[in-house]
Amino acid sequence: MADPIQHLVLFRLPEAPGPEVEAEMRRQIASWVGVVPGLRRLRFGADIGGRAEGYQFGLLTEFESAEALAAYVPHPLHAAFLEWVSARPFEVLRFDYPLTAETSLLEID
C-alpha cells in the first residue's frame, strides 16, 4: 500500500488581502470536498501568528498516495484555482512529503 502524501501550500500577496480574497479562496478550495479523488484531509486558513514571513494563507491537503497528488494537479477544480491564483501577484511556497512512520510523529484522530 502506498504512503499518504501531505501537501502544504503557503500564499503571500505583496499587500494585505481584503476579506474577499480569503472568502474566494475558501469557496474554491471547499469545492474540492467529495470531488477530488484521493483527497483525505483539507484545511485552509489565514495566519494569526504573524511569524510566517508575510505568508497570509495556508493550505494543508493530504492525499491517499503520490498518484492521487499527481492526479490532483491537473484536476479541473484545482486547475481553475491555480489559474485564479496565477492571475494575482501571489508568491506560493509548496512542500510535499510522505506520511510514514518516520514523518508521522503524533497522530490523534
N, C-alpha and C. Protein backbone atom coordinates (compact mmCIF):
# COMPACT_ATOMS: atom_id res chain seq x y z
N MET A 1 0.84 -1.19 0.00
CA MET A 1 0.00 0.00 0.00
C MET A 1 0.89 1.25 0.00
N ALA A 2 0.53 2.22 -0.80
CA ALA A 2 1.32 3.45 -0.92
C ALA A 2 1.14 4.33 0.30
N ASP A 3 2.17 5.12 0.59
CA ASP A 3 2.09 6.06 1.70
C ASP A 3 1.24 7.26 1.33
N PRO A 4 0.44 7.77 2.27
CA PRO A 4 -0.25 9.03 2.03
C PRO A 4 0.78 10.15 1.86
N ILE A 5 0.35 11.23 1.23
CA ILE A 5 1.22 12.38 0.98
C ILE A 5 0.59 13.63 1.59
N GLN A 6 1.39 14.36 2.34
CA GLN A 6 0.98 15.66 2.87
C GLN A 6 1.45 16.72 1.88
N HIS A 7 0.54 17.60 1.49
CA HIS A 7 0.84 18.68 0.53
C HIS A 7 0.49 20.00 1.22
N LEU A 8 1.52 20.81 1.49
CA LEU A 8 1.34 22.09 2.16
C LEU A 8 1.61 23.21 1.17
N VAL A 9 0.80 24.26 1.24
CA VAL A 9 0.98 25.41 0.35
C VAL A 9 0.80 26.68 1.18
N LEU A 10 1.73 27.61 1.04
CA LEU A 10 1.62 28.93 1.66
C LEU A 10 1.46 29.97 0.56
N PHE A 11 0.64 30.98 0.83
CA PHE A 11 0.33 32.03 -0.14
C PHE A 11 0.67 33.39 0.47
N ARG A 12 1.32 34.23 -0.34
CA ARG A 12 1.66 35.57 0.12
C ARG A 12 1.39 36.57 -1.01
N LEU A 13 0.66 37.62 -0.65
CA LEU A 13 0.45 38.75 -1.55
C LEU A 13 1.32 39.91 -1.08
N PRO A 14 1.74 40.80 -1.99
CA PRO A 14 2.60 41.91 -1.57
C PRO A 14 1.89 42.91 -0.65
N GLU A 15 0.57 42.99 -0.75
CA GLU A 15 -0.20 43.87 0.11
C GLU A 15 -1.23 43.03 0.86
N ALA A 16 -1.68 43.54 2.00
CA ALA A 16 -2.68 42.81 2.79
C ALA A 16 -3.93 42.55 1.96
N PRO A 17 -4.36 41.29 1.89
CA PRO A 17 -5.56 40.97 1.11
C PRO A 17 -6.82 41.37 1.88
N GLY A 18 -7.83 41.73 1.15
CA GLY A 18 -9.12 42.01 1.77
C GLY A 18 -9.84 40.71 2.08
N PRO A 19 -10.93 40.79 2.84
CA PRO A 19 -11.66 39.58 3.20
C PRO A 19 -12.24 38.84 2.00
N GLU A 20 -12.45 39.56 0.90
CA GLU A 20 -13.00 38.90 -0.29
C GLU A 20 -12.01 37.91 -0.89
N VAL A 21 -10.71 38.17 -0.74
CA VAL A 21 -9.70 37.24 -1.25
C VAL A 21 -9.76 35.93 -0.48
N GLU A 22 -9.76 36.01 0.84
CA GLU A 22 -9.85 34.80 1.65
C GLU A 22 -11.15 34.05 1.37
N ALA A 23 -12.26 34.78 1.26
CA ALA A 23 -13.56 34.15 1.00
C ALA A 23 -13.56 33.41 -0.34
N GLU A 24 -12.97 34.01 -1.37
CA GLU A 24 -12.94 33.35 -2.68
C GLU A 24 -12.03 32.13 -2.66
N MET A 25 -10.89 32.25 -1.98
CA MET A 25 -10.00 31.09 -1.87
C MET A 25 -10.73 29.95 -1.17
N ARG A 26 -11.37 30.27 -0.04
CA ARG A 26 -12.09 29.25 0.73
C ARG A 26 -13.21 28.62 -0.11
N ARG A 27 -13.95 29.44 -0.85
CA ARG A 27 -15.04 28.93 -1.68
C ARG A 27 -14.51 27.92 -2.70
N GLN A 28 -13.43 28.29 -3.37
CA GLN A 28 -12.88 27.39 -4.40
C GLN A 28 -12.32 26.12 -3.78
N ILE A 29 -11.57 26.25 -2.70
CA ILE A 29 -10.96 25.08 -2.06
C ILE A 29 -12.03 24.15 -1.50
N ALA A 30 -13.07 24.71 -0.90
CA ALA A 30 -14.15 23.89 -0.34
C ALA A 30 -14.85 23.07 -1.42
N SER A 31 -14.83 23.54 -2.65
CA SER A 31 -15.50 22.81 -3.74
C SER A 31 -14.80 21.50 -4.07
N TRP A 32 -13.59 21.29 -3.56
CA TRP A 32 -12.85 20.06 -3.83
C TRP A 32 -13.39 18.88 -3.02
N VAL A 33 -14.06 19.17 -1.89
CA VAL A 33 -14.51 18.12 -0.98
C VAL A 33 -15.48 17.18 -1.69
N GLY A 34 -15.16 15.89 -1.65
CA GLY A 34 -16.00 14.88 -2.26
C GLY A 34 -15.91 14.80 -3.77
N VAL A 35 -15.05 15.63 -4.37
CA VAL A 35 -14.93 15.67 -5.82
C VAL A 35 -13.53 15.26 -6.28
N VAL A 36 -12.51 15.73 -5.60
CA VAL A 36 -11.13 15.41 -5.98
C VAL A 36 -10.80 14.02 -5.44
N PRO A 37 -10.54 13.06 -6.32
CA PRO A 37 -10.25 11.69 -5.88
C PRO A 37 -8.99 11.62 -5.03
N GLY A 38 -9.05 10.80 -3.99
CA GLY A 38 -7.87 10.56 -3.16
C GLY A 38 -7.58 11.62 -2.12
N LEU A 39 -8.39 12.67 -2.04
CA LEU A 39 -8.19 13.73 -1.05
C LEU A 39 -8.74 13.25 0.28
N ARG A 40 -7.86 13.15 1.29
CA ARG A 40 -8.25 12.62 2.61
C ARG A 40 -8.45 13.70 3.66
N ARG A 41 -7.69 14.77 3.57
CA ARG A 41 -7.82 15.88 4.52
C ARG A 41 -7.66 17.17 3.77
N LEU A 42 -8.36 18.20 4.26
CA LEU A 42 -8.30 19.50 3.61
C LEU A 42 -8.50 20.58 4.66
N ARG A 43 -7.51 21.46 4.77
CA ARG A 43 -7.59 22.58 5.72
C ARG A 43 -7.08 23.83 5.02
N PHE A 44 -7.70 24.97 5.38
CA PHE A 44 -7.30 26.26 4.82
C PHE A 44 -7.53 27.32 5.87
N GLY A 45 -6.58 28.25 6.02
CA GLY A 45 -6.77 29.32 6.98
C GLY A 45 -5.81 30.46 6.78
N ALA A 46 -6.13 31.56 7.46
CA ALA A 46 -5.28 32.75 7.43
C ALA A 46 -4.34 32.71 8.63
N ASP A 47 -3.13 33.21 8.44
CA ASP A 47 -2.14 33.25 9.50
C ASP A 47 -2.62 34.17 10.63
N ILE A 48 -2.49 33.71 11.86
CA ILE A 48 -2.83 34.54 13.01
C ILE A 48 -1.63 34.84 13.88
N GLY A 49 -0.50 34.21 13.60
CA GLY A 49 0.67 34.34 14.46
C GLY A 49 1.63 35.44 14.06
N GLY A 50 1.58 35.87 12.81
CA GLY A 50 2.50 36.90 12.36
C GLY A 50 3.94 36.45 12.25
N ARG A 51 4.17 35.15 12.25
CA ARG A 51 5.54 34.63 12.18
C ARG A 51 5.81 33.90 10.87
N ALA A 52 4.96 34.12 9.88
CA ALA A 52 5.02 33.35 8.63
C ALA A 52 5.72 34.10 7.51
N GLU A 53 6.63 35.00 7.85
CA GLU A 53 7.39 35.73 6.83
C GLU A 53 6.49 36.41 5.81
N GLY A 54 5.31 36.86 6.26
CA GLY A 54 4.41 37.56 5.37
C GLY A 54 3.45 36.68 4.60
N TYR A 55 3.59 35.37 4.72
CA TYR A 55 2.62 34.48 4.06
C TYR A 55 1.30 34.62 4.82
N GLN A 56 0.23 34.92 4.08
CA GLN A 56 -1.05 35.22 4.72
C GLN A 56 -1.98 34.02 4.85
N PHE A 57 -1.85 33.04 3.95
CA PHE A 57 -2.77 31.91 3.95
C PHE A 57 -2.00 30.60 3.86
N GLY A 58 -2.57 29.58 4.48
CA GLY A 58 -2.00 28.24 4.41
C GLY A 58 -3.04 27.23 3.98
N LEU A 59 -2.63 26.31 3.14
CA LEU A 59 -3.49 25.22 2.67
C LEU A 59 -2.78 23.92 3.00
N LEU A 60 -3.50 23.02 3.68
CA LEU A 60 -2.95 21.72 4.02
C LEU A 60 -3.86 20.67 3.41
N THR A 61 -3.30 19.84 2.58
CA THR A 61 -4.05 18.74 2.00
C THR A 61 -3.32 17.44 2.27
N GLU A 62 -4.07 16.38 2.31
CA GLU A 62 -3.49 15.05 2.47
C GLU A 62 -4.14 14.15 1.42
N PHE A 63 -3.29 13.46 0.69
CA PHE A 63 -3.75 12.56 -0.37
C PHE A 63 -3.41 11.13 -0.01
N GLU A 64 -4.21 10.20 -0.50
CA GLU A 64 -4.00 8.79 -0.15
C GLU A 64 -2.72 8.22 -0.73
N SER A 65 -2.15 8.88 -1.75
CA SER A 65 -0.93 8.37 -2.38
C SER A 65 -0.29 9.47 -3.24
N ALA A 66 0.93 9.22 -3.66
CA ALA A 66 1.60 10.14 -4.58
C ALA A 66 0.85 10.20 -5.91
N GLU A 67 0.25 9.09 -6.30
CA GLU A 67 -0.52 9.07 -7.54
C GLU A 67 -1.75 9.97 -7.44
N ALA A 68 -2.40 9.97 -6.26
CA ALA A 68 -3.57 10.84 -6.06
C ALA A 68 -3.16 12.31 -6.10
N LEU A 69 -2.01 12.63 -5.50
CA LEU A 69 -1.50 14.00 -5.57
C LEU A 69 -1.21 14.38 -7.02
N ALA A 70 -0.59 13.49 -7.77
CA ALA A 70 -0.28 13.76 -9.17
C ALA A 70 -1.56 13.97 -9.99
N ALA A 71 -2.62 13.24 -9.68
CA ALA A 71 -3.89 13.39 -10.39
C ALA A 71 -4.61 14.69 -10.00
N TYR A 72 -4.37 15.17 -8.80
CA TYR A 72 -4.98 16.41 -8.31
C TYR A 72 -4.45 17.63 -9.08
N VAL A 73 -3.19 17.62 -9.42
CA VAL A 73 -2.58 18.79 -10.07
C VAL A 73 -3.35 19.21 -11.32
N PRO A 74 -3.67 18.31 -12.26
CA PRO A 74 -4.42 18.74 -13.45
C PRO A 74 -5.95 18.71 -13.27
N HIS A 75 -6.44 18.30 -12.10
CA HIS A 75 -7.89 18.23 -11.90
C HIS A 75 -8.51 19.59 -12.22
N PRO A 76 -9.66 19.62 -12.91
CA PRO A 76 -10.25 20.89 -13.33
C PRO A 76 -10.50 21.89 -12.19
N LEU A 77 -10.93 21.43 -11.02
CA LEU A 77 -11.16 22.36 -9.91
C LEU A 77 -9.85 22.96 -9.41
N HIS A 78 -8.82 22.13 -9.31
CA HIS A 78 -7.51 22.65 -8.89
C HIS A 78 -6.94 23.55 -9.97
N ALA A 79 -7.08 23.16 -11.23
CA ALA A 79 -6.57 23.98 -12.33
C ALA A 79 -7.23 25.36 -12.34
N ALA A 80 -8.54 25.41 -12.07
CA ALA A 80 -9.24 26.70 -12.00
C ALA A 80 -8.73 27.55 -10.85
N PHE A 81 -8.49 26.91 -9.70
CA PHE A 81 -7.94 27.62 -8.56
C PHE A 81 -6.54 28.14 -8.87
N LEU A 82 -5.73 27.30 -9.47
CA LEU A 82 -4.37 27.69 -9.84
C LEU A 82 -4.38 28.86 -10.82
N GLU A 83 -5.30 28.83 -11.75
CA GLU A 83 -5.44 29.94 -12.70
C GLU A 83 -5.83 31.23 -11.97
N TRP A 84 -6.75 31.13 -11.01
CA TRP A 84 -7.17 32.29 -10.22
C TRP A 84 -5.99 32.85 -9.43
N VAL A 85 -5.23 31.96 -8.78
CA VAL A 85 -4.05 32.38 -8.01
C VAL A 85 -3.02 33.01 -8.94
N SER A 86 -2.77 32.39 -10.08
CA SER A 86 -1.74 32.87 -11.01
C SER A 86 -2.08 34.24 -11.60
N ALA A 87 -3.35 34.60 -11.62
CA ALA A 87 -3.78 35.90 -12.16
C ALA A 87 -3.54 37.03 -11.16
N ARG A 88 -3.07 36.69 -9.97
CA ARG A 88 -2.79 37.67 -8.92
C ARG A 88 -1.32 37.59 -8.53
N PRO A 89 -0.81 38.62 -7.88
CA PRO A 89 0.63 38.62 -7.57
C PRO A 89 1.00 37.79 -6.34
N PHE A 90 0.44 36.58 -6.23
CA PHE A 90 0.77 35.69 -5.12
C PHE A 90 2.19 35.15 -5.26
N GLU A 91 2.87 35.04 -4.15
CA GLU A 91 4.05 34.17 -4.04
C GLU A 91 3.52 32.90 -3.41
N VAL A 92 3.93 31.76 -3.95
CA VAL A 92 3.41 30.48 -3.49
C VAL A 92 4.59 29.58 -3.13
N LEU A 93 4.50 28.97 -1.96
CA LEU A 93 5.51 28.02 -1.50
C LEU A 93 4.82 26.68 -1.31
N ARG A 94 5.35 25.64 -1.96
CA ARG A 94 4.75 24.30 -1.89
C ARG A 94 5.74 23.34 -1.24
N PHE A 95 5.19 22.38 -0.48
CA PHE A 95 6.04 21.41 0.22
C PHE A 95 5.26 20.10 0.33
N ASP A 96 5.83 19.03 -0.19
CA ASP A 96 5.18 17.71 -0.17
C ASP A 96 6.09 16.70 0.52
N TYR A 97 5.48 15.82 1.33
CA TYR A 97 6.26 14.74 1.92
C TYR A 97 5.35 13.55 2.24
N PRO A 98 5.91 12.34 2.27
CA PRO A 98 5.10 11.16 2.57
C PRO A 98 4.81 11.09 4.07
N LEU A 99 3.65 10.54 4.40
CA LEU A 99 3.30 10.30 5.79
C LEU A 99 3.66 8.85 6.11
N THR A 100 4.81 8.71 6.73
CA THR A 100 5.35 7.40 7.07
C THR A 100 5.55 7.33 8.59
N ALA A 101 6.04 6.20 9.06
CA ALA A 101 6.36 6.07 10.48
C ALA A 101 7.42 7.09 10.89
N GLU A 102 8.28 7.47 9.98
CA GLU A 102 9.34 8.45 10.29
C GLU A 102 8.83 9.88 10.32
N THR A 103 7.85 10.21 9.47
CA THR A 103 7.37 11.59 9.41
C THR A 103 6.14 11.85 10.26
N SER A 104 5.37 10.81 10.59
CA SER A 104 4.17 10.97 11.42
C SER A 104 4.53 10.70 12.88
N LEU A 105 4.92 11.76 13.56
CA LEU A 105 5.41 11.62 14.92
C LEU A 105 4.30 11.56 15.96
N LEU A 106 3.12 12.09 15.63
CA LEU A 106 1.98 12.02 16.52
C LEU A 106 0.71 12.06 15.69
N GLU A 107 -0.16 11.12 15.89
CA GLU A 107 -1.44 11.07 15.18
C GLU A 107 -2.56 11.02 16.21
N ILE A 108 -3.46 11.99 16.17
CA ILE A 108 -4.64 12.00 17.04
C ILE A 108 -5.85 12.15 16.14
N ASP A 109 -6.69 11.19 16.12
CA ASP A 109 -7.92 11.27 15.32
C ASP A 109 -9.11 10.93 16.18
